[in-house]
């Protein structure tokens, strides 16, 4: 068993095209020798957003605090504390903070997703 507090985990800027005001913490992952999943916590500043993107792996989201929206393809859905989102592989998605405090959410991905490509989608849609 490994125990730590999230405040002791380093925060890193999400340095991807299309990201604005995002930080990520790896709460559980390879350092903890987790065999199946990586648990990350994202923090999105007011007015900020993750990239509009997709990838070939699933992930599960739990909103810890704040409010915002999640883009599913071209449809925005409201988000608030306690909401749960399942993102299927290849789903185009984006998280936006529409509130006045940071939007924090847990994001679980399979270990097999580590290092895989993420495709950022331009605002006008997929380009062929």
N, C-alpha and C. Protein backbone atom coordinates (compact mmCIF):
# COMPACT_ATOMS: atom_id res chain seq x y z
N UNK A 1 0.84 -1.18 0.00
CA UNK A 1 0.00 0.00 0.00
C UNK A 1 0.88 1.24 0.00
N UNK A 2 0.45 2.24 -0.70
CA UNK A 2 1.16 3.51 -0.73
C UNK A 2 0.16 4.60 -0.36
N UNK A 3 0.57 5.53 0.48
CA UNK A 3 -0.31 6.60 0.95
C UNK A 3 0.42 7.92 0.83
N UNK A 4 -0.28 8.92 0.31
CA UNK A 4 0.28 10.27 0.23
C UNK A 4 -0.89 11.24 0.14
N UNK A 5 -0.59 12.51 0.27
CA UNK A 5 -1.62 13.54 0.14
C UNK A 5 -1.45 14.22 -1.22
N UNK A 6 -2.56 14.55 -1.85
CA UNK A 6 -2.50 15.15 -3.19
C UNK A 6 -1.73 16.46 -3.21
N UNK A 7 -1.73 17.19 -2.09
CA UNK A 7 -0.99 18.46 -2.05
C UNK A 7 0.52 18.24 -2.17
N UNK A 8 0.98 17.01 -1.93
CA UNK A 8 2.40 16.69 -2.02
C UNK A 8 2.82 16.20 -3.41
N UNK A 9 1.85 16.10 -4.32
CA UNK A 9 2.13 15.61 -5.67
C UNK A 9 2.36 16.82 -6.59
N UNK A 10 3.46 16.84 -7.33
CA UNK A 10 3.74 17.98 -8.20
C UNK A 10 2.64 18.20 -9.25
N UNK A 11 2.39 19.47 -9.55
CA UNK A 11 1.47 19.85 -10.62
C UNK A 11 2.29 20.26 -11.82
N UNK A 12 1.88 19.78 -12.98
CA UNK A 12 2.57 20.12 -14.22
C UNK A 12 1.60 20.79 -15.17
N UNK A 13 2.07 21.80 -15.86
CA UNK A 13 1.26 22.47 -16.87
C UNK A 13 0.94 21.47 -17.99
N UNK A 14 -0.32 21.48 -18.44
CA UNK A 14 -0.69 20.67 -19.61
C UNK A 14 -0.18 21.44 -20.82
N UNK A 15 0.88 20.92 -21.42
CA UNK A 15 1.56 21.62 -22.50
C UNK A 15 1.20 20.97 -23.83
N UNK A 16 -0.06 21.19 -24.24
CA UNK A 16 -0.55 20.66 -25.51
C UNK A 16 -1.23 21.78 -26.27
N UNK A 17 -1.17 21.71 -27.58
CA UNK A 17 -1.91 22.65 -28.41
C UNK A 17 -3.38 22.60 -28.01
N UNK A 18 -3.99 23.77 -27.82
CA UNK A 18 -5.40 23.83 -27.47
C UNK A 18 -5.70 23.83 -25.99
N UNK A 19 -4.69 23.63 -25.14
CA UNK A 19 -4.90 23.67 -23.68
C UNK A 19 -4.67 25.09 -23.19
N UNK A 20 -5.50 25.52 -22.23
CA UNK A 20 -5.34 26.84 -21.66
C UNK A 20 -5.71 26.78 -20.18
N UNK A 21 -4.77 27.13 -19.32
CA UNK A 21 -5.04 27.18 -17.89
C UNK A 21 -5.20 25.83 -17.23
N UNK A 22 -4.51 24.79 -17.74
CA UNK A 22 -4.66 23.42 -17.21
C UNK A 22 -3.38 22.95 -16.55
N UNK A 23 -3.57 22.26 -15.43
CA UNK A 23 -2.48 21.58 -14.75
C UNK A 23 -2.91 20.15 -14.46
N UNK A 24 -1.94 19.26 -14.36
CA UNK A 24 -2.24 17.85 -14.07
C UNK A 24 -1.29 17.33 -13.00
N UNK A 25 -1.83 16.47 -12.15
CA UNK A 25 -1.05 15.75 -11.16
C UNK A 25 -1.24 14.26 -11.42
N UNK A 26 -0.15 13.50 -11.38
CA UNK A 26 -0.24 12.04 -11.46
C UNK A 26 -0.32 11.54 -10.02
N UNK A 27 -1.54 11.22 -9.59
CA UNK A 27 -1.76 10.80 -8.19
C UNK A 27 -1.33 9.36 -7.96
N UNK A 28 -1.65 8.48 -8.91
CA UNK A 28 -1.25 7.08 -8.84
C UNK A 28 -0.83 6.67 -10.24
N UNK A 29 0.32 6.05 -10.34
CA UNK A 29 0.82 5.63 -11.66
C UNK A 29 2.02 4.72 -11.51
N UNK A 30 2.97 4.87 -12.44
CA UNK A 30 4.12 3.96 -12.46
C UNK A 30 4.97 4.05 -11.20
N UNK A 31 5.05 5.23 -10.57
CA UNK A 31 5.84 5.36 -9.34
C UNK A 31 5.27 4.52 -8.21
N UNK A 32 3.95 4.28 -8.25
CA UNK A 32 3.30 3.46 -7.24
C UNK A 32 3.18 2.00 -7.69
N UNK A 33 3.72 1.71 -8.87
CA UNK A 33 3.67 0.38 -9.45
C UNK A 33 2.24 -0.12 -9.61
N UNK A 34 1.33 0.81 -9.96
CA UNK A 34 -0.06 0.44 -10.20
C UNK A 34 -0.13 -0.44 -11.46
N UNK A 35 -0.68 -1.64 -11.37
CA UNK A 35 -0.63 -2.58 -12.49
C UNK A 35 -1.61 -2.28 -13.63
N UNK A 36 -2.69 -1.54 -13.37
CA UNK A 36 -3.71 -1.41 -14.40
C UNK A 36 -4.09 0.01 -14.79
N UNK A 37 -4.08 0.95 -13.84
CA UNK A 37 -4.61 2.28 -14.11
C UNK A 37 -3.67 3.38 -13.65
N UNK A 38 -3.86 4.55 -14.25
CA UNK A 38 -3.22 5.78 -13.82
C UNK A 38 -4.34 6.71 -13.35
N UNK A 39 -4.19 7.27 -12.14
CA UNK A 39 -5.16 8.24 -11.64
C UNK A 39 -4.51 9.62 -11.69
N UNK A 40 -5.15 10.51 -12.45
CA UNK A 40 -4.65 11.86 -12.59
C UNK A 40 -5.70 12.83 -12.04
N UNK A 41 -5.23 13.97 -11.55
CA UNK A 41 -6.16 15.04 -11.20
C UNK A 41 -5.82 16.25 -12.04
N UNK A 42 -6.82 16.73 -12.76
CA UNK A 42 -6.67 17.93 -13.56
C UNK A 42 -7.26 19.11 -12.81
N UNK A 43 -6.64 20.26 -12.97
CA UNK A 43 -7.18 21.51 -12.45
C UNK A 43 -7.20 22.50 -13.61
N UNK A 44 -8.40 23.01 -13.90
CA UNK A 44 -8.59 23.94 -15.01
C UNK A 44 -9.00 25.28 -14.41
N UNK A 45 -8.23 26.32 -14.69
CA UNK A 45 -8.49 27.65 -14.16
C UNK A 45 -9.80 28.21 -14.74
N UNK A 46 -10.43 29.15 -14.02
CA UNK A 46 -11.63 29.79 -14.58
C UNK A 46 -11.35 30.32 -15.99
N UNK A 47 -12.24 30.00 -16.92
CA UNK A 47 -12.06 30.40 -18.32
C UNK A 47 -11.15 29.49 -19.12
N UNK A 48 -10.51 28.53 -18.46
CA UNK A 48 -9.57 27.63 -19.14
C UNK A 48 -10.26 26.40 -19.70
N UNK A 49 -9.47 25.60 -20.44
CA UNK A 49 -10.01 24.39 -21.06
C UNK A 49 -8.90 23.43 -21.44
N UNK A 50 -9.28 22.17 -21.53
CA UNK A 50 -8.38 21.16 -22.07
C UNK A 50 -8.43 21.26 -23.59
N UNK A 51 -7.53 20.60 -24.30
CA UNK A 51 -7.63 20.59 -25.76
C UNK A 51 -8.89 19.84 -26.20
N UNK A 52 -9.41 20.21 -27.34
CA UNK A 52 -10.48 19.42 -27.98
C UNK A 52 -9.73 18.29 -28.68
N UNK A 53 -9.98 17.05 -28.25
CA UNK A 53 -9.11 15.96 -28.71
C UNK A 53 -9.81 14.61 -28.64
N UNK A 54 -9.12 13.60 -29.16
CA UNK A 54 -9.56 12.21 -29.03
C UNK A 54 -8.35 11.31 -29.02
N UNK A 55 -8.57 10.06 -28.59
CA UNK A 55 -7.50 9.06 -28.50
C UNK A 55 -8.13 7.68 -28.51
N UNK A 56 -7.30 6.65 -28.61
CA UNK A 56 -7.82 5.29 -28.78
C UNK A 56 -8.02 4.53 -27.47
N UNK A 57 -8.11 5.22 -26.37
CA UNK A 57 -8.34 4.57 -25.08
C UNK A 57 -9.46 5.28 -24.32
N UNK A 58 -10.09 4.53 -23.43
CA UNK A 58 -11.15 5.08 -22.59
C UNK A 58 -10.57 5.88 -21.44
N UNK A 59 -11.40 6.72 -20.85
CA UNK A 59 -11.09 7.22 -19.52
C UNK A 59 -12.35 7.59 -18.77
N UNK A 60 -12.18 7.60 -17.45
CA UNK A 60 -13.28 7.85 -16.54
C UNK A 60 -12.98 9.12 -15.77
N UNK A 61 -14.01 9.95 -15.60
CA UNK A 61 -13.85 11.27 -14.98
C UNK A 61 -14.79 11.37 -13.78
N UNK A 62 -14.29 11.97 -12.71
CA UNK A 62 -15.12 12.31 -11.56
C UNK A 62 -14.82 13.76 -11.20
N UNK A 63 -15.86 14.62 -11.21
CA UNK A 63 -15.67 16.04 -10.92
C UNK A 63 -15.61 16.22 -9.40
N UNK A 64 -14.45 16.70 -8.93
CA UNK A 64 -14.19 16.88 -7.51
C UNK A 64 -14.74 18.22 -7.02
N UNK A 65 -14.51 19.27 -7.80
CA UNK A 65 -15.03 20.59 -7.43
C UNK A 65 -15.08 21.50 -8.64
N UNK A 66 -15.89 22.54 -8.51
CA UNK A 66 -16.03 23.52 -9.59
C UNK A 66 -17.17 23.16 -10.52
N UNK A 67 -17.25 23.93 -11.60
CA UNK A 67 -18.29 23.69 -12.61
C UNK A 67 -17.73 24.01 -13.98
N UNK A 68 -18.40 23.46 -14.97
CA UNK A 68 -17.94 23.68 -16.34
C UNK A 68 -18.80 22.93 -17.31
N UNK A 69 -18.19 22.59 -18.44
CA UNK A 69 -18.87 21.81 -19.46
C UNK A 69 -17.91 20.75 -19.99
N UNK A 70 -18.51 19.70 -20.54
CA UNK A 70 -17.74 18.71 -21.28
C UNK A 70 -18.33 18.68 -22.68
N UNK A 71 -17.45 18.80 -23.66
CA UNK A 71 -17.86 18.74 -25.05
C UNK A 71 -17.83 17.29 -25.49
N UNK A 72 -18.96 16.81 -26.00
CA UNK A 72 -19.07 15.45 -26.55
C UNK A 72 -19.32 15.64 -28.03
N UNK A 73 -18.28 15.50 -28.85
CA UNK A 73 -18.41 15.81 -30.27
C UNK A 73 -18.64 17.30 -30.43
N UNK A 74 -19.85 17.69 -30.83
CA UNK A 74 -20.20 19.10 -30.96
C UNK A 74 -21.23 19.55 -29.93
N UNK A 75 -21.53 18.70 -28.95
CA UNK A 75 -22.57 19.00 -27.96
C UNK A 75 -21.93 19.23 -26.59
N UNK A 76 -22.26 20.37 -25.96
CA UNK A 76 -21.75 20.67 -24.63
C UNK A 76 -22.75 20.21 -23.58
N UNK A 77 -22.22 19.59 -22.52
CA UNK A 77 -23.03 19.15 -21.38
C UNK A 77 -22.51 19.86 -20.14
N UNK A 78 -23.39 20.34 -19.26
CA UNK A 78 -22.93 20.98 -18.03
C UNK A 78 -22.29 19.97 -17.08
N UNK A 79 -21.34 20.45 -16.30
CA UNK A 79 -20.66 19.63 -15.30
C UNK A 79 -20.68 20.35 -13.97
N UNK A 80 -20.82 19.58 -12.89
CA UNK A 80 -20.71 20.13 -11.55
C UNK A 80 -20.12 19.07 -10.63
N UNK A 81 -19.76 19.49 -9.43
CA UNK A 81 -19.19 18.58 -8.44
C UNK A 81 -20.06 17.34 -8.30
N UNK A 82 -19.41 16.18 -8.32
CA UNK A 82 -20.10 14.91 -8.17
C UNK A 82 -20.47 14.24 -9.48
N UNK A 83 -20.37 14.95 -10.60
CA UNK A 83 -20.70 14.34 -11.89
C UNK A 83 -19.63 13.33 -12.29
N UNK A 84 -20.07 12.32 -13.03
CA UNK A 84 -19.20 11.25 -13.52
C UNK A 84 -19.35 11.18 -15.04
N UNK A 85 -18.23 11.06 -15.75
CA UNK A 85 -18.24 11.00 -17.21
C UNK A 85 -17.42 9.80 -17.65
N UNK A 86 -17.97 9.01 -18.57
CA UNK A 86 -17.21 7.95 -19.22
C UNK A 86 -16.93 8.40 -20.65
N UNK A 87 -15.66 8.48 -21.02
CA UNK A 87 -15.25 8.86 -22.37
C UNK A 87 -14.78 7.59 -23.07
N UNK A 88 -15.52 7.20 -24.11
CA UNK A 88 -15.15 6.01 -24.89
C UNK A 88 -13.97 6.30 -25.79
N UNK A 89 -13.24 5.27 -26.20
CA UNK A 89 -12.17 5.47 -27.17
C UNK A 89 -12.70 6.16 -28.42
N UNK A 90 -11.92 7.07 -28.96
CA UNK A 90 -12.21 7.82 -30.19
C UNK A 90 -13.26 8.91 -30.03
N UNK A 91 -13.87 9.09 -28.83
CA UNK A 91 -14.81 10.19 -28.61
C UNK A 91 -14.06 11.52 -28.60
N UNK A 92 -14.51 12.47 -29.42
CA UNK A 92 -13.97 13.83 -29.37
C UNK A 92 -14.54 14.49 -28.11
N UNK A 93 -13.67 15.06 -27.28
CA UNK A 93 -14.10 15.65 -26.02
C UNK A 93 -13.19 16.79 -25.60
N UNK A 94 -13.74 17.64 -24.73
CA UNK A 94 -13.01 18.78 -24.18
C UNK A 94 -13.71 19.20 -22.89
N UNK A 95 -12.92 19.57 -21.90
CA UNK A 95 -13.45 20.06 -20.63
C UNK A 95 -13.17 21.55 -20.52
N UNK A 96 -14.20 22.33 -20.15
CA UNK A 96 -14.07 23.77 -20.00
C UNK A 96 -14.53 24.19 -18.61
N UNK A 97 -13.84 25.16 -18.04
CA UNK A 97 -14.25 25.73 -16.77
C UNK A 97 -15.10 26.96 -17.07
N UNK A 98 -16.37 26.92 -16.67
CA UNK A 98 -17.27 28.06 -16.87
C UNK A 98 -17.56 28.77 -15.55
N UNK A 99 -16.92 28.34 -14.47
CA UNK A 99 -17.18 28.90 -13.16
C UNK A 99 -16.13 29.92 -12.76
N UNK A 100 -16.21 30.34 -11.50
CA UNK A 100 -15.30 31.35 -10.98
C UNK A 100 -14.21 30.77 -10.07
N UNK A 101 -14.23 29.45 -9.88
CA UNK A 101 -13.20 28.76 -9.10
C UNK A 101 -12.62 27.65 -9.97
N UNK A 102 -11.45 27.11 -9.61
CA UNK A 102 -10.88 26.04 -10.42
C UNK A 102 -11.83 24.84 -10.56
N UNK A 103 -11.84 24.25 -11.74
CA UNK A 103 -12.54 23.00 -12.02
C UNK A 103 -11.53 21.89 -11.80
N UNK A 104 -11.81 21.00 -10.84
CA UNK A 104 -10.90 19.89 -10.55
C UNK A 104 -11.63 18.59 -10.83
N UNK A 105 -10.96 17.70 -11.55
CA UNK A 105 -11.56 16.39 -11.80
C UNK A 105 -10.50 15.31 -11.81
N UNK A 106 -10.91 14.13 -11.33
CA UNK A 106 -10.07 12.95 -11.41
C UNK A 106 -10.27 12.33 -12.77
N UNK A 107 -9.21 11.82 -13.34
CA UNK A 107 -9.25 11.19 -14.66
C UNK A 107 -8.46 9.90 -14.56
N UNK A 108 -9.13 8.77 -14.79
CA UNK A 108 -8.46 7.48 -14.76
C UNK A 108 -8.29 6.96 -16.18
N UNK A 109 -7.10 6.49 -16.48
CA UNK A 109 -6.81 5.91 -17.79
C UNK A 109 -6.08 4.59 -17.58
N UNK A 110 -6.17 3.69 -18.56
CA UNK A 110 -5.40 2.44 -18.44
C UNK A 110 -3.90 2.71 -18.57
N UNK A 111 -3.10 1.92 -17.90
CA UNK A 111 -1.64 2.06 -18.03
C UNK A 111 -1.20 1.97 -19.49
N UNK A 112 -1.89 1.17 -20.28
CA UNK A 112 -1.52 1.01 -21.68
C UNK A 112 -1.62 2.31 -22.47
N UNK A 113 -2.32 3.32 -21.91
CA UNK A 113 -2.46 4.60 -22.61
C UNK A 113 -1.24 5.50 -22.45
N UNK A 114 -0.41 5.19 -21.47
CA UNK A 114 0.76 6.03 -21.20
C UNK A 114 1.64 6.14 -22.44
N UNK A 115 1.89 7.36 -22.85
CA UNK A 115 2.74 7.62 -24.01
C UNK A 115 2.06 7.50 -25.36
N UNK A 116 0.76 7.17 -25.37
CA UNK A 116 0.05 7.07 -26.65
C UNK A 116 -0.27 8.45 -27.21
N UNK A 117 -0.47 8.49 -28.51
CA UNK A 117 -0.79 9.75 -29.18
C UNK A 117 -2.19 10.23 -28.85
N UNK A 118 -2.31 11.54 -28.73
CA UNK A 118 -3.58 12.22 -28.57
C UNK A 118 -3.72 13.11 -29.80
N UNK A 119 -4.88 13.07 -30.44
CA UNK A 119 -5.10 13.89 -31.63
C UNK A 119 -5.92 15.11 -31.26
N UNK A 120 -5.33 16.29 -31.42
CA UNK A 120 -6.03 17.54 -31.16
C UNK A 120 -6.88 17.86 -32.38
N UNK A 121 -8.15 18.23 -32.12
CA UNK A 121 -9.09 18.52 -33.19
C UNK A 121 -9.20 20.04 -33.35
N UNK A 122 -8.99 20.55 -34.55
CA UNK A 122 -9.15 22.00 -34.77
C UNK A 122 -10.58 22.42 -34.48
N UNK A 123 -10.78 23.68 -34.13
CA UNK A 123 -12.11 24.20 -33.80
C UNK A 123 -13.11 23.97 -34.92
N UNK A 124 -12.66 23.94 -36.16
CA UNK A 124 -13.59 23.76 -37.28
C UNK A 124 -13.93 22.30 -37.52
N UNK A 125 -13.30 21.38 -36.79
CA UNK A 125 -13.62 19.96 -36.93
C UNK A 125 -12.44 19.17 -37.47
N UNK A 126 -12.68 17.92 -37.73
CA UNK A 126 -11.63 17.05 -38.26
C UNK A 126 -11.29 17.47 -39.67
N UNK A 127 -9.99 17.54 -39.92
CA UNK A 127 -9.54 17.86 -41.26
C UNK A 127 -9.15 16.58 -41.98
N UNK A 128 -9.51 16.48 -43.23
CA UNK A 128 -9.19 15.25 -43.96
C UNK A 128 -7.92 15.38 -44.75
